[in-house]
Amino acid sequence: MTHDSRTDLLRGTLPHVAFDGWSDRALKSVAADVGISQEAARALFPDGGAEMIELHSHLLDNEMERRLVAEVTSGMRVRDRVGYAVKVRLALAAEDREAVRRAVTYLAMPSHSALSVRILYRTVDMIWRCAGDKATDWNFYSKRGLLSGVYASAVLFMLQDGSPDCADTAEFVDRRIADVMRLPKVVDRLRRPFGLLSRKVRPQAPRL
């Protein structure tokens, strides 16, 4: 049971996933395709669909990282590097659109919420790392939390995008990242009047 065996079997499963979802039926079909027993296929993925979905996402994450490392993006602003990384990851997902669509449906079930969070976190964490993020304070978590919302909404948009090369999705990502970049400024404007108020109004001791 090598990593390559799991990867090869997973890739062979993708055409079946479009029809059967991330299911034992899809796993049985690919086992028949490659000439191994259903038991052997199941041994490679004992947790079934959950394990296959997670590996598929990891493979796309790793391919995104490989492509970004091979390209020169050091001259770009961090926000542009993040946006570009998101677009690369979405383009990879679009190549397996039906499999991703089935995964989204599977992960939307309440019983799969922990898996969904784990997969999403790994993706956005890798995007930030590929963008050169070195934060270690609370910004580490806030950045990933904000990007999680951007990426999750962009995936849903991409699944419905019929534009050439998902051009509309790329524009959607740019708009969402621009919205996120404005958020700290909005919060700061909201904080100012309350900050002044807190300095003017001093708490009084309760009267008994």
N, C-alpha and C. Protein backbone atom coordinates (compact mmCIF):
# COMPACT_ATOMS: atom_id res chain seq x y z
N MET A 1 0.83 -1.19 0.00
CA MET A 1 0.00 0.00 0.00
C MET A 1 0.87 1.25 0.00
N THR A 2 1.40 1.61 -1.11
CA THR A 2 2.27 2.78 -1.21
C THR A 2 1.44 4.02 -1.51
N HIS A 3 2.08 5.16 -1.31
CA HIS A 3 1.42 6.43 -1.62
C HIS A 3 1.06 6.48 -3.10
N ASP A 4 1.96 6.00 -3.96
CA ASP A 4 1.69 6.01 -5.39
C ASP A 4 0.49 5.14 -5.73
N SER A 5 0.34 4.01 -5.05
CA SER A 5 -0.80 3.13 -5.31
C SER A 5 -2.10 3.85 -4.98
N ARG A 6 -2.13 4.54 -3.87
CA ARG A 6 -3.33 5.28 -3.48
C ARG A 6 -3.62 6.41 -4.47
N THR A 7 -2.56 7.12 -4.86
CA THR A 7 -2.74 8.23 -5.80
C THR A 7 -3.24 7.73 -7.14
N ASP A 8 -2.65 6.67 -7.65
CA ASP A 8 -3.06 6.12 -8.95
C ASP A 8 -4.51 5.64 -8.90
N LEU A 9 -4.87 4.96 -7.81
CA LEU A 9 -6.24 4.47 -7.71
C LEU A 9 -7.22 5.63 -7.60
N LEU A 10 -6.85 6.66 -6.85
CA LEU A 10 -7.73 7.82 -6.72
C LEU A 10 -7.97 8.48 -8.07
N ARG A 11 -6.90 8.68 -8.82
CA ARG A 11 -7.05 9.34 -10.13
C ARG A 11 -7.92 8.50 -11.07
N GLY A 12 -7.81 7.19 -10.95
CA GLY A 12 -8.65 6.33 -11.76
C GLY A 12 -10.10 6.37 -11.34
N THR A 13 -10.35 6.79 -10.09
CA THR A 13 -11.70 6.85 -9.56
C THR A 13 -12.46 8.08 -10.04
N LEU A 14 -11.75 9.15 -10.39
CA LEU A 14 -12.39 10.43 -10.70
C LEU A 14 -13.49 10.34 -11.77
N PRO A 15 -13.29 9.61 -12.89
CA PRO A 15 -14.38 9.53 -13.87
C PRO A 15 -15.64 8.89 -13.29
N HIS A 16 -15.48 7.95 -12.37
CA HIS A 16 -16.63 7.28 -11.77
C HIS A 16 -17.31 8.17 -10.73
N VAL A 17 -16.53 9.03 -10.08
CA VAL A 17 -17.08 9.92 -9.06
C VAL A 17 -18.11 10.86 -9.66
N ALA A 18 -17.90 11.25 -10.91
CA ALA A 18 -18.86 12.15 -11.57
C ALA A 18 -20.25 11.55 -11.62
N PHE A 19 -20.34 10.22 -11.65
CA PHE A 19 -21.64 9.55 -11.73
C PHE A 19 -22.07 8.94 -10.40
N ASP A 20 -21.13 8.40 -9.66
CA ASP A 20 -21.46 7.66 -8.44
C ASP A 20 -21.10 8.38 -7.16
N GLY A 21 -20.50 9.60 -7.26
CA GLY A 21 -20.08 10.31 -6.08
C GLY A 21 -18.87 9.64 -5.44
N TRP A 22 -18.47 10.17 -4.30
CA TRP A 22 -17.33 9.59 -3.58
C TRP A 22 -17.85 8.42 -2.74
N SER A 23 -18.06 7.32 -3.41
CA SER A 23 -18.75 6.19 -2.79
C SER A 23 -17.99 4.88 -2.99
N ASP A 24 -18.46 3.87 -2.26
CA ASP A 24 -17.88 2.54 -2.45
C ASP A 24 -18.12 2.03 -3.86
N ARG A 25 -19.22 2.46 -4.44
CA ARG A 25 -19.52 2.03 -5.81
C ARG A 25 -18.46 2.54 -6.79
N ALA A 26 -18.05 3.80 -6.61
CA ALA A 26 -16.99 4.35 -7.47
C ALA A 26 -15.68 3.61 -7.25
N LEU A 27 -15.40 3.27 -6.00
CA LEU A 27 -14.17 2.55 -5.68
C LEU A 27 -14.19 1.14 -6.27
N LYS A 28 -15.34 0.49 -6.23
CA LYS A 28 -15.47 -0.84 -6.83
C LYS A 28 -15.29 -0.78 -8.34
N SER A 29 -15.80 0.28 -8.96
CA SER A 29 -15.69 0.42 -10.41
C SER A 29 -14.24 0.57 -10.85
N VAL A 30 -13.48 1.39 -10.12
CA VAL A 30 -12.09 1.57 -10.52
C VAL A 30 -11.29 0.31 -10.23
N ALA A 31 -11.68 -0.44 -9.20
CA ALA A 31 -10.99 -1.70 -8.92
C ALA A 31 -11.13 -2.65 -10.10
N ALA A 32 -12.33 -2.68 -10.67
CA ALA A 32 -12.56 -3.53 -11.84
C ALA A 32 -11.77 -3.02 -13.04
N ASP A 33 -11.65 -1.70 -13.15
CA ASP A 33 -10.91 -1.11 -14.28
C ASP A 33 -9.44 -1.52 -14.27
N VAL A 34 -8.84 -1.51 -13.08
CA VAL A 34 -7.40 -1.77 -12.99
C VAL A 34 -7.09 -3.23 -12.68
N GLY A 35 -8.12 -4.02 -12.47
CA GLY A 35 -7.91 -5.45 -12.28
C GLY A 35 -7.44 -5.86 -10.90
N ILE A 36 -7.93 -5.16 -9.87
CA ILE A 36 -7.63 -5.60 -8.51
C ILE A 36 -8.94 -5.92 -7.80
N SER A 37 -8.85 -6.60 -6.70
CA SER A 37 -10.07 -6.98 -5.98
C SER A 37 -10.66 -5.77 -5.26
N GLN A 38 -11.94 -5.86 -4.98
CA GLN A 38 -12.59 -4.80 -4.24
C GLN A 38 -12.00 -4.67 -2.84
N GLU A 39 -11.59 -5.80 -2.28
CA GLU A 39 -10.99 -5.79 -0.94
C GLU A 39 -9.67 -5.03 -0.96
N ALA A 40 -8.88 -5.22 -2.01
CA ALA A 40 -7.60 -4.53 -2.12
C ALA A 40 -7.80 -3.03 -2.27
N ALA A 41 -8.80 -2.66 -3.06
CA ALA A 41 -9.10 -1.23 -3.24
C ALA A 41 -9.56 -0.62 -1.92
N ARG A 42 -10.40 -1.34 -1.22
CA ARG A 42 -10.92 -0.85 0.05
C ARG A 42 -9.81 -0.74 1.10
N ALA A 43 -8.84 -1.62 1.02
CA ALA A 43 -7.72 -1.57 1.96
C ALA A 43 -6.90 -0.30 1.77
N LEU A 44 -6.87 0.23 0.55
CA LEU A 44 -6.13 1.46 0.29
C LEU A 44 -6.88 2.67 0.84
N PHE A 45 -8.21 2.57 0.91
CA PHE A 45 -9.03 3.66 1.43
C PHE A 45 -10.04 3.11 2.43
N PRO A 46 -9.58 2.71 3.60
CA PRO A 46 -10.48 2.09 4.58
C PRO A 46 -11.61 3.01 5.04
N ASP A 47 -11.40 4.33 4.97
CA ASP A 47 -12.45 5.26 5.36
C ASP A 47 -13.31 5.70 4.18
N GLY A 48 -13.12 5.06 3.05
CA GLY A 48 -13.98 5.31 1.90
C GLY A 48 -13.91 6.72 1.35
N GLY A 49 -15.11 7.29 1.09
CA GLY A 49 -15.21 8.59 0.45
C GLY A 49 -14.48 9.70 1.18
N ALA A 50 -14.55 9.72 2.50
CA ALA A 50 -13.89 10.77 3.28
C ALA A 50 -12.40 10.78 3.00
N GLU A 51 -11.80 9.62 3.00
CA GLU A 51 -10.35 9.52 2.79
C GLU A 51 -9.98 9.88 1.35
N MET A 52 -10.82 9.49 0.39
CA MET A 52 -10.54 9.81 -1.00
C MET A 52 -10.64 11.30 -1.26
N ILE A 53 -11.66 11.95 -0.68
CA ILE A 53 -11.83 13.39 -0.85
C ILE A 53 -10.64 14.14 -0.27
N GLU A 54 -10.20 13.73 0.91
CA GLU A 54 -9.08 14.41 1.55
C GLU A 54 -7.80 14.26 0.74
N LEU A 55 -7.55 13.06 0.22
CA LEU A 55 -6.36 12.86 -0.60
C LEU A 55 -6.44 13.68 -1.88
N HIS A 56 -7.61 13.72 -2.49
CA HIS A 56 -7.79 14.49 -3.72
C HIS A 56 -7.48 15.96 -3.47
N SER A 57 -7.98 16.50 -2.37
CA SER A 57 -7.70 17.90 -2.05
C SER A 57 -6.21 18.12 -1.79
N HIS A 58 -5.58 17.18 -1.10
CA HIS A 58 -4.14 17.30 -0.83
C HIS A 58 -3.33 17.28 -2.12
N LEU A 59 -3.74 16.45 -3.06
CA LEU A 59 -3.02 16.40 -4.33
C LEU A 59 -3.13 17.72 -5.08
N LEU A 60 -4.31 18.34 -5.04
CA LEU A 60 -4.48 19.64 -5.69
C LEU A 60 -3.67 20.72 -4.95
N ASP A 61 -3.66 20.66 -3.63
CA ASP A 61 -2.84 21.60 -2.85
C ASP A 61 -1.37 21.48 -3.23
N ASN A 62 -0.90 20.24 -3.31
CA ASN A 62 0.51 20.01 -3.61
C ASN A 62 0.87 20.45 -5.02
N GLU A 63 -0.06 20.24 -5.96
CA GLU A 63 0.19 20.67 -7.34
C GLU A 63 0.21 22.20 -7.41
N MET A 64 -0.69 22.84 -6.66
CA MET A 64 -0.67 24.31 -6.58
C MET A 64 0.69 24.80 -6.08
N GLU A 65 1.16 24.19 -5.01
CA GLU A 65 2.45 24.58 -4.44
C GLU A 65 3.57 24.38 -5.46
N ARG A 66 3.55 23.26 -6.16
CA ARG A 66 4.59 22.98 -7.14
C ARG A 66 4.61 24.04 -8.24
N ARG A 67 3.43 24.42 -8.71
CA ARG A 67 3.36 25.42 -9.78
C ARG A 67 3.80 26.80 -9.29
N LEU A 68 3.41 27.14 -8.09
CA LEU A 68 3.77 28.46 -7.58
C LEU A 68 5.26 28.57 -7.30
N VAL A 69 5.85 27.50 -6.82
CA VAL A 69 7.30 27.50 -6.57
C VAL A 69 8.06 27.65 -7.87
N ALA A 70 7.53 27.07 -8.94
CA ALA A 70 8.19 27.12 -10.24
C ALA A 70 8.08 28.49 -10.90
N GLU A 71 7.12 29.30 -10.44
CA GLU A 71 6.92 30.62 -11.03
C GLU A 71 7.55 31.70 -10.14
N VAL A 72 7.87 32.81 -10.75
CA VAL A 72 8.47 33.92 -10.00
C VAL A 72 7.36 34.91 -9.66
N THR A 73 7.03 34.98 -8.37
CA THR A 73 5.98 35.91 -7.93
C THR A 73 6.49 36.85 -6.84
N SER A 74 7.80 36.83 -6.60
CA SER A 74 8.37 37.62 -5.51
C SER A 74 8.20 39.12 -5.72
N GLY A 75 8.02 39.54 -6.97
CA GLY A 75 7.85 40.97 -7.23
C GLY A 75 6.44 41.46 -7.01
N MET A 76 5.53 40.56 -6.72
CA MET A 76 4.13 40.93 -6.52
C MET A 76 3.88 41.31 -5.07
N ARG A 77 2.86 42.14 -4.85
CA ARG A 77 2.43 42.43 -3.50
C ARG A 77 1.86 41.15 -2.88
N VAL A 78 1.87 41.08 -1.54
CA VAL A 78 1.36 39.88 -0.88
C VAL A 78 -0.08 39.61 -1.26
N ARG A 79 -0.91 40.64 -1.28
CA ARG A 79 -2.32 40.43 -1.62
C ARG A 79 -2.47 39.88 -3.04
N ASP A 80 -1.58 40.32 -3.95
CA ASP A 80 -1.63 39.82 -5.32
C ASP A 80 -1.14 38.37 -5.39
N ARG A 81 -0.13 38.06 -4.58
CA ARG A 81 0.35 36.67 -4.54
C ARG A 81 -0.73 35.74 -3.99
N VAL A 82 -1.43 36.21 -2.97
CA VAL A 82 -2.52 35.41 -2.40
C VAL A 82 -3.62 35.21 -3.45
N GLY A 83 -4.01 36.28 -4.10
CA GLY A 83 -5.05 36.18 -5.12
C GLY A 83 -4.65 35.25 -6.25
N TYR A 84 -3.40 35.36 -6.67
CA TYR A 84 -2.92 34.49 -7.74
C TYR A 84 -2.93 33.03 -7.31
N ALA A 85 -2.51 32.76 -6.08
CA ALA A 85 -2.49 31.39 -5.58
C ALA A 85 -3.90 30.82 -5.52
N VAL A 86 -4.86 31.63 -5.08
CA VAL A 86 -6.25 31.19 -5.03
C VAL A 86 -6.72 30.81 -6.44
N LYS A 87 -6.38 31.63 -7.41
CA LYS A 87 -6.81 31.37 -8.79
C LYS A 87 -6.17 30.09 -9.34
N VAL A 88 -4.91 29.86 -9.01
CA VAL A 88 -4.25 28.63 -9.45
C VAL A 88 -4.93 27.42 -8.84
N ARG A 89 -5.23 27.51 -7.55
CA ARG A 89 -5.89 26.38 -6.87
C ARG A 89 -7.28 26.13 -7.45
N LEU A 90 -8.02 27.19 -7.75
CA LEU A 90 -9.35 27.03 -8.33
C LEU A 90 -9.29 26.47 -9.75
N ALA A 91 -8.27 26.88 -10.50
CA ALA A 91 -8.11 26.35 -11.86
C ALA A 91 -7.87 24.84 -11.82
N LEU A 92 -7.10 24.40 -10.85
CA LEU A 92 -6.85 22.96 -10.69
C LEU A 92 -8.15 22.25 -10.30
N ALA A 93 -8.92 22.86 -9.41
CA ALA A 93 -10.19 22.26 -9.01
C ALA A 93 -11.15 22.19 -10.19
N ALA A 94 -11.10 23.20 -11.06
CA ALA A 94 -12.00 23.24 -12.22
C ALA A 94 -11.72 22.09 -13.18
N GLU A 95 -10.49 21.61 -13.20
CA GLU A 95 -10.16 20.48 -14.08
C GLU A 95 -10.88 19.21 -13.63
N ASP A 96 -11.19 19.13 -12.34
CA ASP A 96 -11.95 17.98 -11.79
C ASP A 96 -13.28 18.49 -11.24
N ARG A 97 -13.95 19.32 -12.01
CA ARG A 97 -15.11 20.05 -11.52
C ARG A 97 -16.19 19.15 -10.92
N GLU A 98 -16.53 18.07 -11.61
CA GLU A 98 -17.61 17.22 -11.12
C GLU A 98 -17.21 16.51 -9.82
N ALA A 99 -15.95 16.12 -9.73
CA ALA A 99 -15.47 15.48 -8.51
C ALA A 99 -15.50 16.48 -7.35
N VAL A 100 -15.12 17.73 -7.63
CA VAL A 100 -15.16 18.77 -6.59
C VAL A 100 -16.61 19.06 -6.20
N ARG A 101 -17.50 19.09 -7.19
CA ARG A 101 -18.91 19.33 -6.90
C ARG A 101 -19.45 18.26 -5.97
N ARG A 102 -19.11 17.02 -6.26
CA ARG A 102 -19.55 15.91 -5.41
C ARG A 102 -18.93 16.01 -4.02
N ALA A 103 -17.70 16.46 -3.95
CA ALA A 103 -17.03 16.61 -2.66
C ALA A 103 -17.70 17.69 -1.83
N VAL A 104 -18.07 18.80 -2.47
CA VAL A 104 -18.75 19.88 -1.76
C VAL A 104 -20.06 19.38 -1.17
N THR A 105 -20.79 18.60 -1.94
CA THR A 105 -22.06 18.04 -1.45
C THR A 105 -21.81 17.11 -0.27
N TYR A 106 -20.81 16.28 -0.38
CA TYR A 106 -20.46 15.33 0.68
C TYR A 106 -20.05 16.08 1.95
N LEU A 107 -19.22 17.09 1.80
CA LEU A 107 -18.69 17.81 2.96
C LEU A 107 -19.72 18.73 3.60
N ALA A 108 -20.80 19.02 2.89
CA ALA A 108 -21.85 19.88 3.43
C ALA A 108 -22.69 19.18 4.50
N MET A 109 -22.58 17.87 4.57
CA MET A 109 -23.33 17.12 5.57
C MET A 109 -22.77 17.43 6.97
N PRO A 110 -23.65 17.67 7.95
CA PRO A 110 -23.18 18.01 9.31
C PRO A 110 -22.19 16.98 9.88
N SER A 111 -22.38 15.73 9.56
CA SER A 111 -21.49 14.70 10.10
C SER A 111 -20.08 14.77 9.53
N HIS A 112 -19.90 15.55 8.45
CA HIS A 112 -18.59 15.66 7.82
C HIS A 112 -17.97 17.04 8.04
N SER A 113 -18.51 17.80 8.98
CA SER A 113 -18.04 19.18 9.19
C SER A 113 -16.57 19.24 9.61
N ALA A 114 -16.14 18.32 10.46
CA ALA A 114 -14.75 18.33 10.91
C ALA A 114 -13.79 18.10 9.74
N LEU A 115 -14.15 17.17 8.86
CA LEU A 115 -13.34 16.90 7.67
C LEU A 115 -13.32 18.13 6.77
N SER A 116 -14.47 18.76 6.60
CA SER A 116 -14.56 19.95 5.75
C SER A 116 -13.65 21.06 6.26
N VAL A 117 -13.67 21.30 7.56
CA VAL A 117 -12.82 22.35 8.15
C VAL A 117 -11.35 22.00 7.98
N ARG A 118 -11.00 20.74 8.18
CA ARG A 118 -9.61 20.32 8.07
C ARG A 118 -9.08 20.50 6.65
N ILE A 119 -9.88 20.12 5.67
CA ILE A 119 -9.47 20.25 4.27
C ILE A 119 -9.33 21.72 3.88
N LEU A 120 -10.32 22.53 4.27
CA LEU A 120 -10.28 23.95 3.92
C LEU A 120 -9.10 24.64 4.58
N TYR A 121 -8.85 24.32 5.85
CA TYR A 121 -7.74 24.95 6.55
C TYR A 121 -6.41 24.63 5.87
N ARG A 122 -6.22 23.38 5.48
CA ARG A 122 -4.95 23.01 4.84
C ARG A 122 -4.74 23.80 3.56
N THR A 123 -5.81 23.97 2.78
CA THR A 123 -5.69 24.70 1.53
C THR A 123 -5.33 26.15 1.75
N VAL A 124 -6.06 26.84 2.63
CA VAL A 124 -5.78 28.27 2.83
C VAL A 124 -4.44 28.48 3.53
N ASP A 125 -4.06 27.56 4.39
CA ASP A 125 -2.76 27.67 5.04
C ASP A 125 -1.64 27.56 4.00
N MET A 126 -1.79 26.63 3.06
CA MET A 126 -0.76 26.48 2.03
C MET A 126 -0.73 27.69 1.11
N ILE A 127 -1.91 28.27 0.83
CA ILE A 127 -1.95 29.47 -0.01
C ILE A 127 -1.16 30.60 0.65
N TRP A 128 -1.38 30.81 1.95
CA TRP A 128 -0.65 31.86 2.65
C TRP A 128 0.84 31.57 2.69
N ARG A 129 1.20 30.31 2.90
CA ARG A 129 2.62 29.97 2.95
C ARG A 129 3.28 30.18 1.59
N CYS A 130 2.56 29.80 0.53
CA CYS A 130 3.10 30.01 -0.82
C CYS A 130 3.24 31.49 -1.13
N ALA A 131 2.40 32.31 -0.49
CA ALA A 131 2.46 33.76 -0.71
C ALA A 131 3.56 34.41 0.12
N GLY A 132 4.23 33.60 0.95
CA GLY A 132 5.35 34.11 1.74
C GLY A 132 4.97 34.59 3.13
N ASP A 133 3.80 34.24 3.60
CA ASP A 133 3.37 34.68 4.93
C ASP A 133 4.22 34.04 6.01
N LYS A 134 4.69 34.88 6.93
CA LYS A 134 5.52 34.39 8.03
C LYS A 134 4.95 34.81 9.39
N ALA A 135 3.67 35.14 9.41
CA ALA A 135 3.04 35.58 10.65
C ALA A 135 3.03 34.46 11.68
N THR A 136 3.26 34.85 12.93
CA THR A 136 3.22 33.87 14.02
C THR A 136 2.31 34.34 15.16
N ASP A 137 1.81 35.59 15.05
CA ASP A 137 0.93 36.11 16.10
C ASP A 137 -0.52 35.82 15.75
N TRP A 138 -1.44 36.58 16.34
CA TRP A 138 -2.86 36.31 16.10
C TRP A 138 -3.23 36.51 14.63
N ASN A 139 -2.42 37.30 13.89
CA ASN A 139 -2.67 37.50 12.46
C ASN A 139 -2.62 36.18 11.68
N PHE A 140 -1.84 35.24 12.20
CA PHE A 140 -1.74 33.93 11.56
C PHE A 140 -3.13 33.33 11.39
N TYR A 141 -3.93 33.40 12.43
CA TYR A 141 -5.26 32.79 12.41
C TYR A 141 -6.28 33.68 11.72
N SER A 142 -6.18 35.00 11.93
CA SER A 142 -7.15 35.89 11.30
C SER A 142 -7.02 35.87 9.78
N LYS A 143 -5.78 35.80 9.29
CA LYS A 143 -5.57 35.74 7.84
C LYS A 143 -6.20 34.48 7.25
N ARG A 144 -6.01 33.38 7.93
CA ARG A 144 -6.55 32.11 7.42
C ARG A 144 -8.06 32.07 7.55
N GLY A 145 -8.58 32.68 8.59
CA GLY A 145 -10.02 32.74 8.74
C GLY A 145 -10.67 33.56 7.64
N LEU A 146 -10.10 34.72 7.34
CA LEU A 146 -10.65 35.56 6.29
C LEU A 146 -10.54 34.89 4.92
N LEU A 147 -9.39 34.28 4.66
CA LEU A 147 -9.20 33.63 3.36
C LEU A 147 -10.10 32.41 3.21
N SER A 148 -10.43 31.75 4.30
CA SER A 148 -11.34 30.60 4.24
C SER A 148 -12.67 31.02 3.64
N GLY A 149 -13.17 32.18 4.08
CA GLY A 149 -14.43 32.67 3.53
C GLY A 149 -14.34 33.00 2.06
N VAL A 150 -13.23 33.62 1.68
CA VAL A 150 -13.01 33.96 0.26
C VAL A 150 -12.94 32.69 -0.58
N TYR A 151 -12.13 31.74 -0.14
CA TYR A 151 -11.92 30.55 -0.95
C TYR A 151 -13.19 29.70 -1.05
N ALA A 152 -13.88 29.50 0.06
CA ALA A 152 -15.09 28.67 0.05
C ALA A 152 -16.14 29.26 -0.88
N SER A 153 -16.33 30.57 -0.84
CA SER A 153 -17.32 31.19 -1.72
C SER A 153 -16.87 31.13 -3.17
N ALA A 154 -15.56 31.23 -3.40
CA ALA A 154 -15.04 31.17 -4.77
C ALA A 154 -15.22 29.78 -5.38
N VAL A 155 -15.08 28.74 -4.57
CA VAL A 155 -15.31 27.38 -5.06
C VAL A 155 -16.75 27.23 -5.54
N LEU A 156 -17.69 27.70 -4.74
CA LEU A 156 -19.10 27.62 -5.12
C LEU A 156 -19.37 28.41 -6.40
N PHE A 157 -18.72 29.56 -6.53
CA PHE A 157 -18.88 30.37 -7.74
C PHE A 157 -18.31 29.63 -8.94
N MET A 158 -17.12 29.06 -8.77
CA MET A 158 -16.45 28.34 -9.86
C MET A 158 -17.30 27.18 -10.37
N LEU A 159 -17.99 26.49 -9.48
CA LEU A 159 -18.79 25.34 -9.89
C LEU A 159 -19.94 25.72 -10.81
N GLN A 160 -20.35 27.00 -10.77
CA GLN A 160 -21.43 27.48 -11.63
C GLN A 160 -20.92 28.33 -12.79
N ASP A 161 -19.62 28.50 -12.88
CA ASP A 161 -19.03 29.41 -13.85
C ASP A 161 -18.90 28.74 -15.22
N GLY A 162 -19.55 29.33 -16.22
CA GLY A 162 -19.47 28.80 -17.58
C GLY A 162 -18.62 29.66 -18.49
N SER A 163 -17.93 30.64 -17.92
CA SER A 163 -17.10 31.54 -18.74
C SER A 163 -15.83 30.84 -19.19
N PRO A 164 -15.24 31.28 -20.31
CA PRO A 164 -13.99 30.66 -20.79
C PRO A 164 -12.88 30.75 -19.75
N ASP A 165 -12.26 29.60 -19.48
CA ASP A 165 -11.15 29.53 -18.52
C ASP A 165 -11.53 30.10 -17.15
N CYS A 166 -12.82 30.05 -16.84
CA CYS A 166 -13.32 30.54 -15.53
C CYS A 166 -12.89 31.98 -15.28
N ALA A 167 -12.98 32.81 -16.33
CA ALA A 167 -12.58 34.21 -16.20
C ALA A 167 -13.44 34.94 -15.18
N ASP A 168 -14.73 34.60 -15.12
CA ASP A 168 -15.61 35.25 -14.15
C ASP A 168 -15.21 34.89 -12.72
N THR A 169 -14.73 33.68 -12.52
CA THR A 169 -14.28 33.28 -11.19
C THR A 169 -13.07 34.09 -10.77
N ALA A 170 -12.14 34.31 -11.69
CA ALA A 170 -10.95 35.11 -11.39
C ALA A 170 -11.35 36.52 -10.96
N GLU A 171 -12.33 37.10 -11.65
CA GLU A 171 -12.80 38.44 -11.29
C GLU A 171 -13.50 38.41 -9.92
N PHE A 172 -14.23 37.34 -9.67
CA PHE A 172 -14.89 37.19 -8.37
C PHE A 172 -13.87 37.16 -7.24
N VAL A 173 -12.79 36.42 -7.45
CA VAL A 173 -11.73 36.35 -6.44
C VAL A 173 -11.14 37.73 -6.18
N ASP A 174 -10.87 38.48 -7.25
CA ASP A 174 -10.31 39.83 -7.09
C ASP A 174 -11.24 40.71 -6.26
N ARG A 175 -12.55 40.62 -6.53
CA ARG A 175 -13.51 41.44 -5.79
C ARG A 175 -13.57 41.04 -4.33
N ARG A 176 -13.57 39.76 -4.07
CA ARG A 176 -13.67 39.29 -2.69
C ARG A 176 -12.42 39.66 -1.89
N ILE A 177 -11.25 39.55 -2.51
CA ILE A 177 -10.02 39.92 -1.80
C ILE A 177 -9.98 41.42 -1.56
N ALA A 178 -10.47 42.20 -2.52
CA ALA A 178 -10.54 43.65 -2.33
C ALA A 178 -11.47 43.98 -1.16
N ASP A 179 -12.58 43.25 -1.04
CA ASP A 179 -13.50 43.45 0.09
C ASP A 179 -12.80 43.16 1.41
N VAL A 180 -12.05 42.08 1.44
CA VAL A 180 -11.35 41.70 2.67
C VAL A 180 -10.30 42.74 3.04
N MET A 181 -9.61 43.28 2.04
CA MET A 181 -8.58 44.27 2.30
C MET A 181 -9.18 45.56 2.86
N ARG A 182 -10.44 45.85 2.50
CA ARG A 182 -11.10 47.05 3.02
C ARG A 182 -11.60 46.86 4.44
N LEU A 183 -11.77 45.61 4.86
CA LEU A 183 -12.37 45.33 6.16
C LEU A 183 -11.63 45.98 7.32
N PRO A 184 -10.29 45.88 7.42
CA PRO A 184 -9.60 46.53 8.55
C PRO A 184 -9.85 48.03 8.60
N LYS A 185 -9.96 48.69 7.44
CA LYS A 185 -10.20 50.12 7.40
C LYS A 185 -11.60 50.44 7.93
N VAL A 186 -12.57 49.60 7.57
CA VAL A 186 -13.93 49.80 8.04
C VAL A 186 -13.99 49.62 9.56
N VAL A 187 -13.34 48.58 10.03
CA VAL A 187 -13.33 48.32 11.47
C VAL A 187 -12.68 49.48 12.21
N ASP A 188 -11.60 50.02 11.64
CA ASP A 188 -10.90 51.13 12.27
C ASP A 188 -11.80 52.36 12.34
N ARG A 189 -12.56 52.63 11.26
CA ARG A 189 -13.46 53.78 11.26
C ARG A 189 -14.57 53.60 12.29
N LEU A 190 -15.05 52.38 12.45
CA LEU A 190 -16.09 52.11 13.43
C LEU A 190 -15.55 52.22 14.85
N ARG A 191 -14.28 51.85 15.02
CA ARG A 191 -13.69 51.83 16.35
C ARG A 191 -13.45 53.24 16.90
N ARG A 192 -13.14 54.18 15.99
CA ARG A 192 -12.75 55.52 16.45
C ARG A 192 -13.79 56.20 17.32
N PRO A 193 -15.06 56.33 16.89
CA PRO A 193 -16.02 57.01 17.76
C PRO A 193 -16.24 56.29 19.08
N PHE A 194 -16.21 54.96 19.06
CA PHE A 194 -16.37 54.21 20.30
C PHE A 194 -15.16 54.38 21.20
N GLY A 195 -13.99 54.54 20.59
CA GLY A 195 -12.79 54.77 21.38
C GLY A 195 -12.86 56.11 22.09
N LEU A 196 -13.35 57.14 21.38
CA LEU A 196 -13.51 58.45 22.00
C LEU A 196 -14.54 58.40 23.11
N LEU A 197 -15.62 57.67 22.86
CA LEU A 197 -16.68 57.56 23.85
C LEU A 197 -16.19 56.88 25.11
N SER A 198 -15.38 55.84 24.93
CA SER A 198 -14.89 55.09 26.08
C SER A 198 -13.96 55.94 26.93
N ARG A 199 -13.29 56.93 26.30
CA ARG A 199 -12.40 57.80 27.08
C ARG A 199 -13.19 58.87 27.83
N LYS A 200 -14.36 59.27 27.26
CA LYS A 200 -15.15 60.33 27.88
C LYS A 200 -16.04 59.80 29.00
N VAL A 201 -16.58 58.63 28.82
CA VAL A 201 -17.50 58.07 29.79
C VAL A 201 -16.76 57.11 30.71
N ARG A 202 -16.65 57.47 31.94
CA ARG A 202 -15.94 56.63 32.90
C ARG A 202 -16.95 55.81 33.70
N PRO A 203 -16.66 54.53 33.89
CA PRO A 203 -17.58 53.70 34.63
C PRO A 203 -17.72 54.17 36.06
N GLN A 204 -18.94 54.09 36.62
CA GLN A 204 -19.21 54.45 37.99
C GLN A 204 -19.43 53.20 38.83
N ALA A 205 -19.10 53.32 40.09
CA ALA A 205 -19.32 52.20 40.98
C ALA A 205 -20.81 51.95 41.15
N PRO A 206 -21.24 50.73 41.17
CA PRO A 206 -22.67 50.44 41.31
C PRO A 206 -23.19 50.90 42.66
N ARG A 207 -24.42 51.42 42.62
CA ARG A 207 -25.06 51.86 43.86
C ARG A 207 -25.87 50.71 44.44
N LEU A 208 -25.64 50.43 45.70
CA LEU A 208 -26.36 49.34 46.34
C LEU A 208 -27.52 49.88 47.16
